[in-house]
Amino acid sequence: MVTNNPLVSVIIPVYNKRKFIKETIDSVVNQSYQNFEIIVVDDGSTDNSIDIVNSLSDSRLRVFSQPNSGVERARNYGFSNSVGSFITFHDADDLMSQDRLKKQIDFFVSNEALVLVGTWANVIDVSGNVIGSICPPTSNDALRLAHIFRNQFISSSVMIRKTAINPHLVFNETRNPYFSEDYDLWLRLLGKGTVANIPEKLTSYRRLKSSRSQDDRGSLTKSARQISAEWLVQNSKHFTSLEAANSFVSSINGLDDLTINDRRSLINSRETYRKLLGELGISEKQTRFTELHSVIVCHKLHILIWSLLAKLPIRFHKFLFFLLSRFKSAKTIRYIWE
């Protein structure tokens, strides 16, 4: 039932998305769960995106405009005008499946400790064809460890309990233009309660060559790694410098990010990882046959291979990563990306 007090606020920042914005809004309007508001924030579009939005007739649609200031400010502006108890930040070219909001609300109702619920996603191209999928971990324990090192939530899939968000610091606007603002917020929310991903592809993430995540992938990867390193320095006694923490993060993510192992910081990553698990209260023996155990095994395998690579010439790294990049580009199913 639609009321004057919508339970969910769907915030959609828009910048030059005239090709997709109507389809995106339609995917929200056609939800089986109907108690929501849609807040569109036009970020100084130079095409007719805003005209298309204004042509749509739905009493739940609220439209705002701002000079081009970036996605962080547009999302924050939308948040400041939201009234829902649950917040979804949805990109202007992505889509929701019909039952997504209902299933996420049901998840929150079943667990009062939940602060963030995401979903798996299909990856679609410019024409809407499915070209892959993103299936990160689903359980709170696995996500709390995995997300320290790599984003485990598809941005457009996330729903957040509003009371868990600091209204004075939603998306950080003070960093550089290529700051991984969504990863930063999700990481801060991990300390506020439990999190989950629904193991169903309830979101369609549109992969465009012109998107920021594709154009500036290297910069965003570096930003995410910096955020991860900062978290380790602030929350673990085993890291005394950002350089050491960054090197440790590289030992876990380097094979995925195809980053050359330049041996800037010769820390014992395997021993450090064991100590970090202890700090986090994670017992490997008690994690057997769980999703968390799979995350630990993957991390330890990456660290082992990374340590071996450190003993080989840089030219070997470049050749290996050339082969890996060819293999990754040929794959149609992706696990998670930064």
C-alpha atoms as a PDB file:
ATOM      1  CA  MET A   1       0.000   0.000   0.000  1.00  0.00           C
ATOM      2  CA  VAL A   2       1.272   3.486  -0.883  1.00  0.00           C
ATOM      3  CA  THR A   3       1.099   5.973   1.992  1.00  0.00           C
ATOM      4  CA  ASN A   4       2.124   9.553   2.688  1.00  0.00           C
ATOM      5  CA  ASN A   5       5.012   8.117   4.702  1.00  0.00           C
ATOM      6  CA  PRO A   6       7.009   5.939   2.303  1.00  0.00           C
ATOM      7  CA  LEU A   7       9.116   3.280   3.999  1.00  0.00           C
ATOM      8  CA  VAL A   8      11.795   3.215   1.263  1.00  0.00           C
ATOM      9  CA  SER A   9      13.570   6.124  -0.435  1.00  0.00           C
ATOM     10  CA  VAL A  10      15.142   5.236  -3.794  1.00  0.00           C
ATOM     11  CA  ILE A  11      17.770   7.889  -4.590  1.00  0.00           C
ATOM     12  CA  ILE A  12      18.875   8.146  -8.233  1.00  0.00           C
ATOM     13  CA  PRO A  13      21.618  10.608  -9.223  1.00  0.00           C
ATOM     14  CA  VAL A  14      21.494  11.439 -12.932  1.00  0.00           C
ATOM     15  CA  TYR A  15      24.153  12.830 -15.230  1.00  0.00           C
ATOM     16  CA  ASN A  16      23.577  12.509 -18.984  1.00  0.00           C
ATOM     17  CA  LYS A  17      21.660   9.240 -18.880  1.00  0.00           C
ATOM     18  CA  ARG A  18      18.808  10.072 -21.272  1.00  0.00           C
ATOM     19  CA  LYS A  19      19.116   6.653 -22.960  1.00  0.00           C
ATOM     20  CA  PHE A  20      18.461   4.746 -19.755  1.00  0.00           C
ATOM     21  CA  ILE A  21      16.741   6.909 -17.146  1.00  0.00           C
ATOM     22  CA  LYS A  22      13.128   6.102 -18.102  1.00  0.00           C
ATOM     23  CA  GLU A  23      13.793   2.347 -18.104  1.00  0.00           C
ATOM     24  CA  THR A  24      15.536   2.670 -14.735  1.00  0.00           C
ATOM     25  CA  ILE A  25      12.658   4.602 -13.148  1.00  0.00           C
ATOM     26  CA  ASP A  26      10.136   2.192 -14.686  1.00  0.00           C
ATOM     27  CA  SER A  27      11.933  -0.724 -13.011  1.00  0.00           C
ATOM     28  CA  VAL A  28      11.345   1.007  -9.662  1.00  0.00           C
ATOM     29  CA  VAL A  29       7.738   2.034 -10.359  1.00  0.00           C
ATOM     30  CA  ASN A  30       6.865  -1.557 -11.338  1.00  0.00           C
ATOM     31  CA  GLN A  31       8.049  -3.088  -8.066  1.00  0.00           C
ATOM     32  CA  SER A  32       5.732  -5.551  -6.341  1.00  0.00           C
ATOM     33  CA  TYR A  33       6.427  -3.565  -3.156  1.00  0.00           C
ATOM     34  CA  GLN A  34       4.919  -0.114  -3.622  1.00  0.00           C
ATOM     35  CA  ASN A  35       5.502   1.919  -0.430  1.00  0.00           C
ATOM     36  CA  PHE A  36       8.437   4.007  -1.665  1.00  0.00           C
ATOM     37  CA  GLU A  37       9.457   7.408  -2.953  1.00  0.00           C
ATOM     38  CA  ILE A  38      11.821   8.047  -5.865  1.00  0.00           C
ATOM     39  CA  ILE A  39      14.232  10.961  -5.470  1.00  0.00           C
ATOM     40  CA  VAL A  40      15.993  11.928  -8.710  1.00  0.00           C
ATOM     41  CA  VAL A  41      18.873  14.388  -8.407  1.00  0.00           C
ATOM     42  CA  ASP A  42      20.010  15.816 -11.734  1.00  0.00           C
ATOM     43  CA  ASP A  43      23.725  16.577 -11.487  1.00  0.00           C
ATOM     44  CA  GLY A  44      23.887  19.287 -14.133  1.00  0.00           C
ATOM     45  CA  SER A  45      23.103  17.068 -17.123  1.00  0.00           C
ATOM     46  CA  THR A  46      23.784  18.588 -20.536  1.00  0.00           C
ATOM     47  CA  ASP A  47      21.457  16.254 -22.426  1.00  0.00           C
ATOM     48  CA  ASN A  48      17.686  16.080 -21.923  1.00  0.00           C
ATOM     49  CA  SER A  49      17.767  13.598 -19.018  1.00  0.00           C
ATOM     50  CA  ILE A  50      15.890  15.982 -16.731  1.00  0.00           C
ATOM     51  CA  ASP A  51      13.194  16.608 -19.361  1.00  0.00           C
ATOM     52  CA  ILE A  52      12.562  12.871 -19.623  1.00  0.00           C
ATOM     53  CA  VAL A  53      12.281  12.588 -15.830  1.00  0.00           C
ATOM     54  CA  ASN A  54       9.905  15.559 -15.633  1.00  0.00           C
ATOM     55  CA  SER A  55       7.689  14.015 -18.299  1.00  0.00           C
ATOM     56  CA  LEU A  56       6.972  11.014 -16.082  1.00  0.00           C
ATOM     57  CA  SER A  57       3.786  11.106 -14.046  1.00  0.00           C
ATOM     58  CA  ASP A  58       3.981   9.461 -10.621  1.00  0.00           C
ATOM     59  CA  SER A  59       3.103  11.094  -7.312  1.00  0.00           C
ATOM     60  CA  ARG A  60       6.021   9.301  -5.637  1.00  0.00           C
ATOM     61  CA  LEU A  61       8.588  10.893  -7.945  1.00  0.00           C
ATOM     62  CA  ARG A  62      10.458  13.924  -6.546  1.00  0.00           C
ATOM     63  CA  VAL A  63      12.961  15.734  -8.775  1.00  0.00           C
ATOM     64  CA  PHE A  64      15.841  17.999  -7.739  1.00  0.00           C
ATOM     65  CA  SER A  65      18.640  19.676  -9.685  1.00  0.00           C
ATOM     66  CA  GLN A  66      22.121  20.868  -8.797  1.00  0.00           C
ATOM     67  CA  PRO A  67      25.096  22.241 -10.751  1.00  0.00           C
ATOM     68  CA  ASN A  68      27.446  19.457 -11.826  1.00  0.00           C
ATOM     69  CA  SER A  69      29.181  18.536  -8.554  1.00  0.00           C
ATOM     70  CA  GLY A  70      29.715  14.785  -8.725  1.00  0.00           C
ATOM     71  CA  VAL A  71      27.820  11.651  -7.728  1.00  0.00           C
ATOM     72  CA  GLU A  72      28.771  11.934  -4.039  1.00  0.00           C
ATOM     73  CA  ARG A  73      27.110  15.327  -3.619  1.00  0.00           C
ATOM     74  CA  ALA A  74      24.078  14.274  -5.665  1.00  0.00           C
ATOM     75  CA  ARG A  75      23.563  11.205  -3.468  1.00  0.00           C
ATOM     76  CA  ASN A  76      24.053  13.257  -0.307  1.00  0.00           C
ATOM     77  CA  TYR A  77      21.558  15.844  -1.528  1.00  0.00           C
ATOM     78  CA  GLY A  78      19.043  13.103  -2.210  1.00  0.00           C
ATOM     79  CA  PHE A  79      19.648  11.602   1.226  1.00  0.00           C
ATOM     80  CA  SER A  80      19.083  14.955   2.936  1.00  0.00           C
ATOM     81  CA  ASN A  81      15.652  15.167   1.274  1.00  0.00           C
ATOM     82  CA  SER A  82      14.621  11.559   1.920  1.00  0.00           C
ATOM     83  CA  VAL A  83      11.878  10.524   4.337  1.00  0.00           C
ATOM     84  CA  GLY A  84      12.077   6.721   4.133  1.00  0.00           C
ATOM     85  CA  SER A  85      13.374   4.519   6.954  1.00  0.00           C
ATOM     86  CA  PHE A  86      15.327   2.518   4.364  1.00  0.00           C
ATOM     87  CA  ILE A  87      17.580   4.016   1.689  1.00  0.00           C
ATOM     88  CA  THR A  88      18.584   2.671  -1.706  1.00  0.00           C
ATOM     89  CA  PHE A  89      21.189   4.494  -3.821  1.00  0.00           C
ATOM     90  CA  HIS A  90      20.450   3.414  -7.395  1.00  0.00           C
ATOM     91  CA  ASP A  91      22.475   4.332 -10.471  1.00  0.00           C
ATOM     92  CA  ALA A  92      20.596   5.918 -13.360  1.00  0.00           C
ATOM     93  CA  ASP A  93      21.401   3.164 -15.866  1.00  0.00           C
ATOM     94  CA  ASP A  94      20.853   0.093 -13.648  1.00  0.00           C
ATOM     95  CA  LEU A  95      17.646  -1.908 -13.166  1.00  0.00           C
ATOM     96  CA  MET A  96      15.699  -3.611 -10.370  1.00  0.00           C
ATOM     97  CA  SER A  97      13.910  -6.937 -10.731  1.00  0.00           C
ATOM     98  CA  GLN A  98      10.219  -6.768  -9.836  1.00  0.00           C
ATOM     99  CA  ASP A  99      10.462  -8.315  -6.351  1.00  0.00           C
ATOM    100  CA  ARG A 100      13.737  -6.782  -5.224  1.00  0.00           C
ATOM    101  CA  LEU A 101      12.459  -4.158  -2.773  1.00  0.00           C
ATOM    102  CA  LYS A 102       9.975  -6.619  -1.253  1.00  0.00           C
ATOM    103  CA  LYS A 103      12.644  -9.247  -0.640  1.00  0.00           C
ATOM    104  CA  GLN A 104      15.013  -6.713   0.914  1.00  0.00           C
ATOM    105  CA  ILE A 105      12.307  -5.322   3.208  1.00  0.00           C
ATOM    106  CA  ASP A 106      11.419  -8.886   4.243  1.00  0.00           C
ATOM    107  CA  PHE A 107      15.097  -9.436   5.098  1.00  0.00           C
ATOM    108  CA  PHE A 108      15.164  -6.345   7.310  1.00  0.00           C
ATOM    109  CA  VAL A 109      11.892  -7.285   9.021  1.00  0.00           C
ATOM    110  CA  SER A 110      13.281 -10.741   9.849  1.00  0.00           C
ATOM    111  CA  ASN A 111      16.450  -9.363  11.498  1.00  0.00           C
ATOM    112  CA  GLU A 112      16.454  -6.101  13.448  1.00  0.00           C
ATOM    113  CA  ALA A 113      20.276  -6.145  13.669  1.00  0.00           C
ATOM    114  CA  LEU A 114      20.641  -5.784   9.876  1.00  0.00           C
ATOM    115  CA  VAL A 115      21.945  -2.427   8.663  1.00  0.00           C
ATOM    116  CA  LEU A 116      22.733  -3.224   5.021  1.00  0.00           C
ATOM    117  CA  VAL A 117      21.330  -5.726   2.533  1.00  0.00           C
ATOM    118  CA  GLY A 118      22.593  -6.087  -1.029  1.00  0.00           C
ATOM    119  CA  THR A 119      21.842  -8.608  -3.769  1.00  0.00           C
ATOM    120  CA  TRP A 120      23.617 -10.529  -6.481  1.00  0.00           C
ATOM    121  CA  ALA A 121      23.441  -8.953  -9.931  1.00  0.00           C
ATOM    122  CA  ASN A 122      23.384  -9.646 -13.629  1.00  0.00           C
ATOM    123  CA  VAL A 123      25.822  -7.611 -15.705  1.00  0.00           C
ATOM    124  CA  ILE A 124      24.134  -6.154 -18.771  1.00  0.00           C
ATOM    125  CA  ASP A 125      25.453  -4.268 -21.786  1.00  0.00           C
ATOM    126  CA  VAL A 126      24.190  -1.056 -23.360  1.00  0.00           C
ATOM    127  CA  SER A 127      21.315  -2.957 -25.010  1.00  0.00           C
ATOM    128  CA  GLY A 128      20.288  -4.801 -21.850  1.00  0.00           C
ATOM    129  CA  ASN A 129      21.783  -8.147 -22.852  1.00  0.00           C
ATOM    130  CA  VAL A 130      23.134 -10.220 -19.942  1.00  0.00           C
ATOM    131  CA  ILE A 131      26.905 -10.559 -20.356  1.00  0.00           C
ATOM    132  CA  GLY A 132      27.855 -11.818 -16.902  1.00  0.00           C
ATOM    133  CA  SER A 133      26.991 -11.893 -13.240  1.00  0.00           C
ATOM    134  CA  ILE A 134      28.345 -10.710  -9.894  1.00  0.00           C
ATOM    135  CA  CYS A 135      27.893 -13.086  -6.971  1.00  0.00           C
ATOM    136  CA  PRO A 136      29.730 -11.908  -3.832  1.00  0.00           C
ATOM    137  CA  PRO A 137      29.480 -13.632  -0.419  1.00  0.00           C
ATOM    138  CA  THR A 138      26.105 -13.548   1.314  1.00  0.00           C
ATOM    139  CA  SER A 139      26.693 -14.176   5.027  1.00  0.00           C
ATOM    140  CA  ASN A 140      27.594 -11.557   7.612  1.00  0.00           C
ATOM    141  CA  ASP A 141      30.759 -13.379   8.762  1.00  0.00           C
ATOM    142  CA  ALA A 142      32.152 -13.817   5.247  1.00  0.00           C
ATOM    143  CA  LEU A 143      31.297 -10.242   4.251  1.00  0.00           C
ATOM    144  CA  ARG A 144      32.869  -8.682   7.355  1.00  0.00           C
ATOM    145  CA  LEU A 145      36.226 -10.240   6.463  1.00  0.00           C
ATOM    146  CA  ALA A 146      36.082 -10.060   2.664  1.00  0.00           C
ATOM    147  CA  HIS A 147      34.944  -6.439   2.553  1.00  0.00           C
ATOM    148  CA  ILE A 148      38.003  -5.250   4.484  1.00  0.00           C
ATOM    149  CA  PHE A 149      40.015  -5.888   1.335  1.00  0.00           C
ATOM    150  CA  ARG A 150      37.566  -5.535  -1.574  1.00  0.00           C
ATOM    151  CA  ASN A 151      34.109  -4.148  -2.229  1.00  0.00           C
ATOM    152  CA  GLN A 152      31.575  -6.940  -1.772  1.00  0.00           C
ATOM    153  CA  PHE A 153      28.399  -4.966  -2.519  1.00  0.00           C
ATOM    154  CA  ILE A 154      27.021  -3.889  -5.888  1.00  0.00           C
ATOM    155  CA  SER A 155      26.212  -0.233  -5.314  1.00  0.00           C
ATOM    156  CA  SER A 156      22.813  -0.202  -7.024  1.00  0.00           C
ATOM    157  CA  SER A 157      21.746  -3.338  -5.124  1.00  0.00           C
ATOM    158  CA  VAL A 158      22.256  -1.977  -1.614  1.00  0.00           C
ATOM    159  CA  MET A 159      19.457  -1.061   0.806  1.00  0.00           C
ATOM    160  CA  ILE A 160      20.445   0.563   4.122  1.00  0.00           C
ATOM    161  CA  ARG A 161      18.654   1.134   7.392  1.00  0.00           C
ATOM    162  CA  LYS A 162      18.637   4.926   7.587  1.00  0.00           C
ATOM    163  CA  THR A 163      19.386   5.100  11.314  1.00  0.00           C
ATOM    164  CA  ALA A 164      22.734   3.360  10.687  1.00  0.00           C
ATOM    165  CA  ILE A 165      23.973   6.251   8.510  1.00  0.00           C
ATOM    166  CA  ASN A 166      25.699   9.257  10.029  1.00  0.00           C
ATOM    167  CA  PRO A 167      23.702  12.133   8.445  1.00  0.00           C
ATOM    168  CA  HIS A 168      26.789  14.365   8.692  1.00  0.00           C
ATOM    169  CA  LEU A 169      28.956  11.906   6.718  1.00  0.00           C
ATOM    170  CA  VAL A 170      27.080   9.853   4.157  1.00  0.00           C
ATOM    171  CA  PHE A 171      29.252   9.816   1.020  1.00  0.00           C
ATOM    172  CA  ASN A 172      32.583  11.533   1.594  1.00  0.00           C
ATOM    173  CA  GLU A 173      32.924  14.593  -0.668  1.00  0.00           C
ATOM    174  CA  THR A 174      36.359  15.698   0.592  1.00  0.00           C
ATOM    175  CA  ARG A 175      38.527  13.208  -1.307  1.00  0.00           C
ATOM    176  CA  ASN A 176      39.688  13.270  -4.936  1.00  0.00           C
ATOM    177  CA  PRO A 177      37.272  12.802  -7.877  1.00  0.00           C
ATOM    178  CA  TYR A 178      38.217   9.142  -8.195  1.00  0.00           C
ATOM    179  CA  PHE A 179      37.515   8.283  -4.554  1.00  0.00           C
ATOM    180  CA  SER A 180      35.734   4.942  -4.101  1.00  0.00           C
ATOM    181  CA  GLU A 181      32.915   6.569  -2.141  1.00  0.00           C
ATOM    182  CA  ASP A 182      30.538   3.607  -2.056  1.00  0.00           C
ATOM    183  CA  TYR A 183      33.180   1.177  -0.758  1.00  0.00           C
ATOM    184  CA  ASP A 184      34.073   3.711   1.941  1.00  0.00           C
ATOM    185  CA  LEU A 185      30.458   3.995   3.150  1.00  0.00           C
ATOM    186  CA  TRP A 186      29.809   0.243   3.155  1.00  0.00           C
ATOM    187  CA  LEU A 187      33.019  -0.309   5.151  1.00  0.00           C
ATOM    188  CA  ARG A 188      31.916   2.227   7.770  1.00  0.00           C
ATOM    189  CA  LEU A 189      28.510   0.538   8.028  1.00  0.00           C
ATOM    190  CA  LEU A 190      30.103  -2.832   8.843  1.00  0.00           C
ATOM    191  CA  GLY A 191      30.716  -1.527  12.351  1.00  0.00           C
ATOM    192  CA  LYS A 192      27.058  -0.589  12.873  1.00  0.00           C
ATOM    193  CA  GLY A 193      25.380  -4.013  12.702  1.00  0.00           C
ATOM    194  CA  THR A 194      25.044  -7.119  10.556  1.00  0.00           C
ATOM    195  CA  VAL A 195      25.077  -7.153   6.741  1.00  0.00           C
ATOM    196  CA  ALA A 196      23.987  -9.569   4.022  1.00  0.00           C
ATOM    197  CA  ASN A 197      23.689 -10.138   0.297  1.00  0.00           C
ATOM    198  CA  ILE A 198      20.562 -11.897  -0.968  1.00  0.00           C
ATOM    199  CA  PRO A 199      21.794 -14.794  -3.177  1.00  0.00           C
ATOM    200  CA  GLU A 200      19.513 -13.880  -6.072  1.00  0.00           C
ATOM    201  CA  LYS A 201      20.214 -11.716  -9.111  1.00  0.00           C
ATOM    202  CA  LEU A 202      17.719  -8.994  -8.212  1.00  0.00           C
ATOM    203  CA  THR A 203      19.724  -6.132  -9.744  1.00  0.00           C
ATOM    204  CA  SER A 204      21.005  -5.526 -13.260  1.00  0.00           C
ATOM    205  CA  TYR A 205      24.285  -3.602 -13.328  1.00  0.00           C
ATOM    206  CA  ARG A 206      24.878  -1.947 -16.702  1.00  0.00           C
ATOM    207  CA  ARG A 207      28.495  -2.055 -17.769  1.00  0.00           C
ATOM    208  CA  LEU A 208      29.297   0.866 -20.069  1.00  0.00           C
ATOM    209  CA  LYS A 209      32.678   1.757 -21.511  1.00  0.00           C
ATOM    210  CA  SER A 210      31.955   5.420 -20.827  1.00  0.00           C
ATOM    211  CA  SER A 211      31.154   4.940 -17.121  1.00  0.00           C
ATOM    212  CA  ARG A 212      33.440   6.273 -14.427  1.00  0.00           C
ATOM    213  CA  SER A 213      34.149   2.787 -13.066  1.00  0.00           C
ATOM    214  CA  GLN A 214      35.469   1.746 -16.481  1.00  0.00           C
ATOM    215  CA  ASP A 215      37.277   4.945 -17.526  1.00  0.00           C
ATOM    216  CA  ASP A 216      39.119   5.390 -14.241  1.00  0.00           C
ATOM    217  CA  ARG A 217      39.350   1.830 -13.052  1.00  0.00           C
ATOM    218  CA  GLY A 218      43.005   2.132 -12.067  1.00  0.00           C
ATOM    219  CA  SER A 219      42.355   5.245 -10.005  1.00  0.00           C
ATOM    220  CA  LEU A 220      39.332   3.696  -8.279  1.00  0.00           C
ATOM    221  CA  THR A 221      41.302   0.527  -7.543  1.00  0.00           C
ATOM    222  CA  LYS A 222      44.056   2.602  -5.971  1.00  0.00           C
ATOM    223  CA  SER A 223      41.484   4.543  -3.962  1.00  0.00           C
ATOM    224  CA  ALA A 224      39.803   1.364  -2.676  1.00  0.00           C
ATOM    225  CA  ARG A 225      43.178  -0.045  -1.696  1.00  0.00           C
ATOM    226  CA  GLN A 226      43.990   3.161   0.176  1.00  0.00           C
ATOM    227  CA  ILE A 227      40.651   2.991   2.045  1.00  0.00           C
ATOM    228  CA  SER A 228      41.362  -0.615   2.983  1.00  0.00           C
ATOM    229  CA  ALA A 229      44.874   0.289   4.207  1.00  0.00           C
ATOM    230  CA  GLU A 230      43.508   3.168   6.287  1.00  0.00           C
ATOM    231  CA  TRP A 231      41.005   0.822   7.918  1.00  0.00           C
ATOM    232  CA  LEU A 232      43.779  -1.629   8.837  1.00  0.00           C
ATOM    233  CA  VAL A 233      45.958   1.091  10.375  1.00  0.00           C
ATOM    234  CA  GLN A 234      43.021   2.373  12.426  1.00  0.00           C
ATOM    235  CA  ASN A 235      41.682  -1.013  13.530  1.00  0.00           C
ATOM    236  CA  SER A 236      44.667  -3.350  13.837  1.00  0.00           C
ATOM    237  CA  LYS A 237      47.775  -3.111  16.010  1.00  0.00           C
ATOM    238  CA  HIS A 238      49.811  -4.984  13.401  1.00  0.00           C
ATOM    239  CA  PHE A 239      50.096  -2.049  10.987  1.00  0.00           C
ATOM    240  CA  THR A 240      52.118   1.020  11.874  1.00  0.00           C
ATOM    241  CA  SER A 241      52.144   2.679   8.455  1.00  0.00           C
ATOM    242  CA  LEU A 242      49.908   3.068   5.433  1.00  0.00           C
ATOM    243  CA  GLU A 243      52.710   1.725   3.231  1.00  0.00           C
ATOM    244  CA  ALA A 244      52.846  -1.569   5.121  1.00  0.00           C
ATOM    245  CA  ALA A 245      49.054  -1.864   5.164  1.00  0.00           C
ATOM    246  CA  ASN A 246      48.847  -1.075   1.446  1.00  0.00           C
ATOM    247  CA  SER A 247      51.427  -3.744   0.686  1.00  0.00           C
ATOM    248  CA  PHE A 248      49.422  -6.261   2.732  1.00  0.00           C
ATOM    249  CA  VAL A 249      46.223  -5.393   0.847  1.00  0.00           C
ATOM    250  CA  SER A 250      48.128  -5.824  -2.430  1.00  0.00           C
ATOM    251  CA  SER A 251      49.208  -9.320  -1.385  1.00  0.00           C
ATOM    252  CA  ILE A 252      45.534 -10.309  -1.210  1.00  0.00           C
ATOM    253  CA  ASN A 253      44.135  -8.307  -4.146  1.00  0.00           C
ATOM    254  CA  GLY A 254      47.117  -8.047  -6.484  1.00  0.00           C
ATOM    255  CA  LEU A 255      46.229 -11.060  -8.601  1.00  0.00           C
ATOM    256  CA  ASP A 256      42.685  -9.770  -9.125  1.00  0.00           C
ATOM    257  CA  ASP A 257      43.821  -6.207  -9.775  1.00  0.00           C
ATOM    258  CA  LEU A 258      46.784  -7.394 -11.899  1.00  0.00           C
ATOM    259  CA  THR A 259      49.167  -5.149  -9.977  1.00  0.00           C
ATOM    260  CA  ILE A 260      52.903  -5.685 -10.360  1.00  0.00           C
ATOM    261  CA  ASN A 261      54.518  -6.909  -7.129  1.00  0.00           C
ATOM    262  CA  ASP A 262      57.220  -4.266  -6.638  1.00  0.00           C
ATOM    263  CA  ARG A 263      58.248  -5.470  -3.153  1.00  0.00           C
ATOM    264  CA  ARG A 264      58.104  -2.033  -1.580  1.00  0.00           C
ATOM    265  CA  SER A 265      57.350  -3.462   1.846  1.00  0.00           C
ATOM    266  CA  LEU A 266      58.686  -6.907   2.683  1.00  0.00           C
ATOM    267  CA  ILE A 267      56.228  -7.856   5.410  1.00  0.00           C
ATOM    268  CA  ASN A 268      55.330 -11.456   6.198  1.00  0.00           C
ATOM    269  CA  SER A 269      51.803 -11.356   4.862  1.00  0.00           C
ATOM    270  CA  ARG A 270      50.956 -14.932   5.812  1.00  0.00           C
ATOM    271  CA  GLU A 271      51.826 -14.416   9.480  1.00  0.00           C
ATOM    272  CA  THR A 272      50.173 -10.988   9.497  1.00  0.00           C
ATOM    273  CA  TYR A 273      46.983 -12.488   8.084  1.00  0.00           C
ATOM    274  CA  ARG A 274      46.933 -15.140  10.817  1.00  0.00           C
ATOM    275  CA  LYS A 275      47.292 -12.446  13.490  1.00  0.00           C
ATOM    276  CA  LEU A 276      44.593 -10.314  11.872  1.00  0.00           C
ATOM    277  CA  LEU A 277      42.143 -13.230  11.995  1.00  0.00           C
ATOM    278  CA  GLY A 278      42.906 -13.541  15.693  1.00  0.00           C
ATOM    279  CA  GLU A 279      42.222  -9.844  16.234  1.00  0.00           C
ATOM    280  CA  LEU A 280      38.896 -10.223  14.460  1.00  0.00           C
ATOM    281  CA  GLY A 281      38.004 -13.192  16.672  1.00  0.00           C
ATOM    282  CA  ILE A 282      37.999 -15.639  13.761  1.00  0.00           C
ATOM    283  CA  SER A 283      39.012 -19.240  14.463  1.00  0.00           C
ATOM    284  CA  GLU A 284      39.856 -21.126  11.285  1.00  0.00           C
ATOM    285  CA  LYS A 285      38.888 -24.452  12.860  1.00  0.00           C
ATOM    286  CA  GLN A 286      35.406 -23.179  13.606  1.00  0.00           C
ATOM    287  CA  THR A 287      34.863 -21.880  10.083  1.00  0.00           C
ATOM    288  CA  ARG A 288      35.169 -25.223   8.279  1.00  0.00           C
ATOM    289  CA  PHE A 289      32.518 -25.851   5.610  1.00  0.00           C
ATOM    290  CA  THR A 290      31.267 -22.257   5.784  1.00  0.00           C
ATOM    291  CA  GLU A 291      31.310 -19.354   3.358  1.00  0.00           C
ATOM    292  CA  LEU A 292      33.787 -17.596   5.665  1.00  0.00           C
ATOM    293  CA  HIS A 293      36.190 -20.516   5.300  1.00  0.00           C
ATOM    294  CA  SER A 294      36.058 -20.127   1.510  1.00  0.00           C
ATOM    295  CA  VAL A 295      37.030 -16.443   1.861  1.00  0.00           C
ATOM    296  CA  ILE A 296      39.972 -17.341   4.132  1.00  0.00           C
ATOM    297  CA  VAL A 297      41.221 -20.046   1.762  1.00  0.00           C
ATOM    298  CA  CYS A 298      41.051 -17.623  -1.177  1.00  0.00           C
ATOM    299  CA  HIS A 299      42.963 -14.934   0.749  1.00  0.00           C
ATOM    300  CA  LYS A 300      45.671 -17.345   1.883  1.00  0.00           C
ATOM    301  CA  LEU A 301      46.101 -18.743  -1.624  1.00  0.00           C
ATOM    302  CA  HIS A 302      46.520 -15.239  -3.041  1.00  0.00           C
ATOM    303  CA  ILE A 303      49.076 -14.378  -0.357  1.00  0.00           C
ATOM    304  CA  LEU A 304      51.053 -17.550  -1.108  1.00  0.00           C
ATOM    305  CA  ILE A 305      51.179 -16.882  -4.852  1.00  0.00           C
ATOM    306  CA  TRP A 306      52.009 -13.220  -4.204  1.00  0.00           C
ATOM    307  CA  SER A 307      54.940 -14.219  -1.966  1.00  0.00           C
ATOM    308  CA  LEU A 308      56.275 -16.498  -4.673  1.00  0.00           C
ATOM    309  CA  LEU A 309      55.941 -13.760  -7.286  1.00  0.00           C
ATOM    310  CA  ALA A 310      58.070 -11.457  -5.139  1.00  0.00           C
ATOM    311  CA  LYS A 311      61.030 -13.749  -5.774  1.00  0.00           C
ATOM    312  CA  LEU A 312      60.701 -13.577  -9.560  1.00  0.00           C
ATOM    313  CA  PRO A 313      61.807 -10.848 -12.004  1.00  0.00           C
ATOM    314  CA  ILE A 314      59.327  -8.065 -12.777  1.00  0.00           C
ATOM    315  CA  ARG A 315      59.254  -9.051 -16.458  1.00  0.00           C
ATOM    316  CA  PHE A 316      57.750 -12.399 -15.426  1.00  0.00           C
ATOM    317  CA  HIS A 317      54.959 -10.560 -13.571  1.00  0.00           C
ATOM    318  CA  LYS A 318      54.179  -8.520 -16.658  1.00  0.00           C
ATOM    319  CA  PHE A 319      53.964 -11.635 -18.829  1.00  0.00           C
ATOM    320  CA  LEU A 320      51.809 -13.478 -16.298  1.00  0.00           C
ATOM    321  CA  PHE A 321      49.443 -10.528 -15.892  1.00  0.00           C
ATOM    322  CA  PHE A 322      49.172 -10.179 -19.668  1.00  0.00           C
ATOM    323  CA  LEU A 323      47.921 -13.770 -19.808  1.00  0.00           C
ATOM    324  CA  LEU A 324      45.597 -13.248 -16.840  1.00  0.00           C
ATOM    325  CA  SER A 325      44.134 -10.092 -18.377  1.00  0.00           C
ATOM    326  CA  ARG A 326      43.378 -11.974 -21.596  1.00  0.00           C
ATOM    327  CA  PHE A 327      41.732 -14.750 -19.569  1.00  0.00           C
ATOM    328  CA  LYS A 328      39.679 -12.336 -17.452  1.00  0.00           C
ATOM    329  CA  SER A 329      38.459 -10.375 -20.466  1.00  0.00           C
ATOM    330  CA  ALA A 330      37.250 -13.610 -22.048  1.00  0.00           C
ATOM    331  CA  LYS A 331      35.237 -14.660 -18.986  1.00  0.00           C
ATOM    332  CA  THR A 332      31.528 -13.922 -18.960  1.00  0.00           C
ATOM    333  CA  ILE A 333      31.022 -14.451 -15.224  1.00  0.00           C
ATOM    334  CA  ARG A 334      32.746 -12.114 -12.801  1.00  0.00           C
ATOM    335  CA  TYR A 335      32.908 -12.610  -9.050  1.00  0.00           C
ATOM    336  CA  ILE A 336      33.201  -9.064  -7.714  1.00  0.00           C
ATOM    337  CA  TRP A 337      34.894  -5.898  -8.853  1.00  0.00           C
ATOM    338  CA  GLU A 338      36.070  -2.790  -7.097  1.00  0.00           C
END
